[in-house]
N, C-alpha and C. Protein backbone atom coordinates (compact mmCIF):
# COMPACT_ATOMS: atom_id res chain seq x y z
N UNK A 1 36.73 59.92 163.39
CA UNK A 1 37.02 60.81 164.49
C UNK A 1 35.72 61.43 164.97
N UNK A 2 35.57 61.53 166.27
CA UNK A 2 34.40 62.16 166.86
C UNK A 2 34.86 63.26 167.81
N UNK A 3 34.10 64.35 167.83
CA UNK A 3 34.34 65.43 168.78
C UNK A 3 33.08 65.59 169.61
N UNK A 4 33.22 65.47 170.91
CA UNK A 4 32.08 65.64 171.82
C UNK A 4 32.38 66.82 172.73
N UNK A 5 31.38 67.67 172.92
CA UNK A 5 31.53 68.80 173.84
C UNK A 5 30.49 68.67 174.94
N UNK A 6 30.95 68.67 176.18
CA UNK A 6 30.09 68.54 177.34
C UNK A 6 29.97 69.93 177.98
N UNK A 7 28.86 70.59 177.69
CA UNK A 7 28.67 71.97 178.14
C UNK A 7 28.66 72.09 179.67
N UNK A 8 28.10 71.10 180.35
CA UNK A 8 28.00 71.18 181.82
C UNK A 8 29.36 71.18 182.51
N UNK A 9 30.36 70.57 181.88
CA UNK A 9 31.71 70.55 182.47
C UNK A 9 32.72 71.35 181.65
N UNK A 10 32.25 71.93 180.54
CA UNK A 10 33.10 72.69 179.62
C UNK A 10 34.32 71.85 179.20
N UNK A 11 34.02 70.62 178.78
CA UNK A 11 35.06 69.67 178.38
C UNK A 11 34.81 69.20 176.96
N UNK A 12 35.89 69.15 176.17
CA UNK A 12 35.81 68.61 174.81
C UNK A 12 36.59 67.29 174.78
N UNK A 13 36.03 66.32 174.08
CA UNK A 13 36.66 65.02 173.94
C UNK A 13 36.81 64.72 172.45
N UNK A 14 38.03 64.55 172.00
CA UNK A 14 38.32 64.20 170.61
C UNK A 14 38.69 62.73 170.59
N UNK A 15 37.89 61.90 169.91
CA UNK A 15 38.12 60.47 169.87
C UNK A 15 38.63 60.06 168.49
N UNK A 16 39.70 59.28 168.48
CA UNK A 16 40.32 58.82 167.24
C UNK A 16 40.14 57.31 167.14
N UNK A 17 39.24 56.86 166.29
CA UNK A 17 39.04 55.43 166.11
C UNK A 17 38.39 54.78 167.31
N UNK A 18 38.53 53.48 167.43
CA UNK A 18 37.85 52.75 168.48
C UNK A 18 38.78 52.06 169.45
N UNK A 19 39.99 52.57 169.60
CA UNK A 19 40.95 51.93 170.50
C UNK A 19 40.52 52.01 171.95
N UNK A 20 41.08 51.13 172.76
CA UNK A 20 40.78 51.09 174.18
C UNK A 20 41.91 51.78 174.95
N UNK A 21 41.61 52.80 175.72
CA UNK A 21 42.66 53.48 176.48
C UNK A 21 43.32 52.56 177.50
N UNK A 22 44.64 52.58 177.54
CA UNK A 22 45.40 51.80 178.52
C UNK A 22 46.15 52.73 179.47
N UNK A 23 46.35 53.98 179.06
CA UNK A 23 47.12 54.93 179.86
C UNK A 23 46.67 56.35 179.54
N UNK A 24 46.64 57.21 180.54
CA UNK A 24 46.34 58.62 180.34
C UNK A 24 47.56 59.43 180.75
N UNK A 25 47.94 60.37 179.89
CA UNK A 25 49.07 61.26 180.18
C UNK A 25 48.59 62.70 180.23
N UNK A 26 49.06 63.43 181.20
CA UNK A 26 48.72 64.85 181.33
C UNK A 26 49.75 65.66 180.55
N UNK A 27 49.28 66.39 179.54
CA UNK A 27 50.18 67.24 178.76
C UNK A 27 50.31 68.62 179.38
N UNK A 28 49.22 69.09 179.96
CA UNK A 28 49.22 70.36 180.68
C UNK A 28 48.09 70.28 181.70
N UNK A 29 47.86 71.36 182.40
CA UNK A 29 46.83 71.37 183.43
C UNK A 29 45.45 71.03 182.88
N UNK A 30 45.19 71.34 181.61
CA UNK A 30 43.86 71.15 181.02
C UNK A 30 43.82 70.19 179.84
N UNK A 31 44.93 69.57 179.49
CA UNK A 31 44.96 68.70 178.31
C UNK A 31 45.51 67.33 178.69
N UNK A 32 44.73 66.28 178.34
CA UNK A 32 45.12 64.91 178.63
C UNK A 32 45.01 64.08 177.36
N UNK A 33 45.92 63.12 177.18
CA UNK A 33 45.81 62.20 176.05
C UNK A 33 45.68 60.78 176.60
N UNK A 34 44.84 60.01 175.94
CA UNK A 34 44.68 58.59 176.27
C UNK A 34 45.39 57.78 175.20
N UNK A 35 46.19 56.83 175.64
CA UNK A 35 46.96 55.97 174.73
C UNK A 35 46.49 54.53 174.87
N UNK A 36 46.55 53.79 173.75
CA UNK A 36 46.24 52.36 173.83
C UNK A 36 47.49 51.62 174.28
N UNK A 37 47.42 50.30 174.36
CA UNK A 37 48.54 49.50 174.85
C UNK A 37 49.78 49.62 173.98
N UNK A 38 49.61 49.96 172.69
CA UNK A 38 50.75 50.12 171.77
C UNK A 38 51.30 51.54 171.78
N UNK A 39 50.68 52.44 172.55
CA UNK A 39 51.16 53.82 172.62
C UNK A 39 50.55 54.76 171.61
N UNK A 40 49.51 54.31 170.89
CA UNK A 40 48.83 55.16 169.91
C UNK A 40 47.77 56.02 170.61
N UNK A 41 47.60 57.24 170.12
CA UNK A 41 46.61 58.14 170.71
C UNK A 41 45.20 57.64 170.41
N UNK A 42 44.40 57.50 171.47
CA UNK A 42 43.02 57.06 171.36
C UNK A 42 42.09 58.26 171.46
N UNK A 43 42.40 59.19 172.39
CA UNK A 43 41.57 60.37 172.56
C UNK A 43 42.36 61.49 173.22
N UNK A 44 41.84 62.70 173.08
CA UNK A 44 42.40 63.89 173.72
C UNK A 44 41.26 64.58 174.46
N UNK A 45 41.50 64.92 175.71
CA UNK A 45 40.51 65.63 176.52
C UNK A 45 41.00 67.05 176.78
N UNK A 46 40.13 68.03 176.51
CA UNK A 46 40.44 69.43 176.76
C UNK A 46 39.48 69.95 177.82
N UNK A 47 40.00 70.25 178.99
CA UNK A 47 39.18 70.85 180.03
C UNK A 47 39.18 72.35 179.84
N UNK A 48 38.13 73.02 180.31
CA UNK A 48 37.96 74.47 180.10
C UNK A 48 38.04 74.78 178.60
N UNK A 49 37.35 73.97 177.82
CA UNK A 49 37.44 74.01 176.36
C UNK A 49 37.00 75.34 175.76
N UNK A 50 36.00 75.98 176.34
CA UNK A 50 35.51 77.24 175.76
C UNK A 50 36.55 78.35 175.87
N UNK A 51 37.48 78.23 176.79
CA UNK A 51 38.57 79.21 176.91
C UNK A 51 39.57 79.02 175.77
N UNK A 52 39.70 77.79 175.30
CA UNK A 52 40.69 77.45 174.27
C UNK A 52 40.16 77.64 172.85
N UNK A 53 38.84 77.65 172.68
CA UNK A 53 38.30 77.80 171.34
C UNK A 53 36.79 77.88 171.36
N UNK A 54 36.23 78.22 170.22
CA UNK A 54 34.78 78.35 170.07
C UNK A 54 34.24 77.03 169.53
N UNK A 55 33.51 76.29 170.36
CA UNK A 55 32.98 75.00 169.95
C UNK A 55 31.57 75.10 169.38
N UNK A 56 31.08 76.33 169.15
CA UNK A 56 29.77 76.47 168.53
C UNK A 56 29.82 76.13 167.05
N UNK A 57 31.01 76.16 166.46
CA UNK A 57 31.18 75.81 165.06
C UNK A 57 32.51 75.10 164.89
N UNK A 58 32.47 73.93 164.27
CA UNK A 58 33.67 73.16 164.00
C UNK A 58 33.70 72.86 162.51
N UNK A 59 34.84 73.06 161.88
CA UNK A 59 34.94 72.78 160.44
C UNK A 59 35.99 71.71 160.20
N UNK A 60 35.87 71.07 159.05
CA UNK A 60 36.79 70.00 158.65
C UNK A 60 37.24 70.29 157.23
N UNK A 61 38.52 70.23 157.00
CA UNK A 61 39.07 70.46 155.67
C UNK A 61 40.06 69.35 155.38
N UNK A 62 39.78 68.56 154.36
CA UNK A 62 40.69 67.49 153.96
C UNK A 62 41.60 68.01 152.87
N UNK A 63 42.89 67.88 153.08
CA UNK A 63 43.86 68.35 152.12
C UNK A 63 44.18 67.22 151.14
N UNK A 64 44.47 67.57 149.89
CA UNK A 64 44.83 66.57 148.89
C UNK A 64 46.14 65.91 149.27
N UNK A 65 46.23 64.63 148.99
CA UNK A 65 47.47 63.90 149.28
C UNK A 65 48.59 64.32 148.34
N UNK A 66 48.26 64.54 147.09
CA UNK A 66 49.25 64.92 146.11
C UNK A 66 48.96 66.32 145.62
N UNK A 67 49.99 67.11 145.50
CA UNK A 67 49.81 68.45 144.97
C UNK A 67 49.55 68.36 143.48
N UNK A 68 48.73 69.25 142.93
CA UNK A 68 48.50 69.24 141.48
C UNK A 68 49.80 69.56 140.76
N UNK A 69 49.94 69.10 139.54
CA UNK A 69 51.18 69.37 138.81
C UNK A 69 51.37 70.87 138.62
N UNK A 70 52.62 71.27 138.67
CA UNK A 70 52.94 72.70 138.50
C UNK A 70 52.68 73.13 137.06
N UNK A 71 52.23 74.34 136.91
CA UNK A 71 52.01 74.89 135.57
C UNK A 71 53.35 75.26 134.95
N UNK A 72 53.50 74.89 133.70
CA UNK A 72 54.74 75.25 132.99
C UNK A 72 54.54 76.59 132.31
N UNK A 73 55.53 77.42 132.44
CA UNK A 73 55.46 78.74 131.83
C UNK A 73 56.39 78.75 130.63
N UNK A 74 55.83 79.08 129.46
CA UNK A 74 56.65 79.16 128.24
C UNK A 74 57.31 80.51 128.18
N UNK A 75 58.58 80.53 127.71
CA UNK A 75 59.26 81.81 127.60
C UNK A 75 59.33 82.29 126.18
């Protein structure tokens, strides 16, 4: 996944993988999604991005797939 921010247009582009966009859908006035021929999301465009969030810092947190085993409490 790549996140690109274009300061001159205040636009953020979130790219998922290397698919080729076949269709663009408008979700709202400032949010568009690009879909490949199979209907999978290829990218998301956020216009007026600085109004929606602070792009000066982006963090990534990967969550564990499996929860750790629960602790057993002896009575």
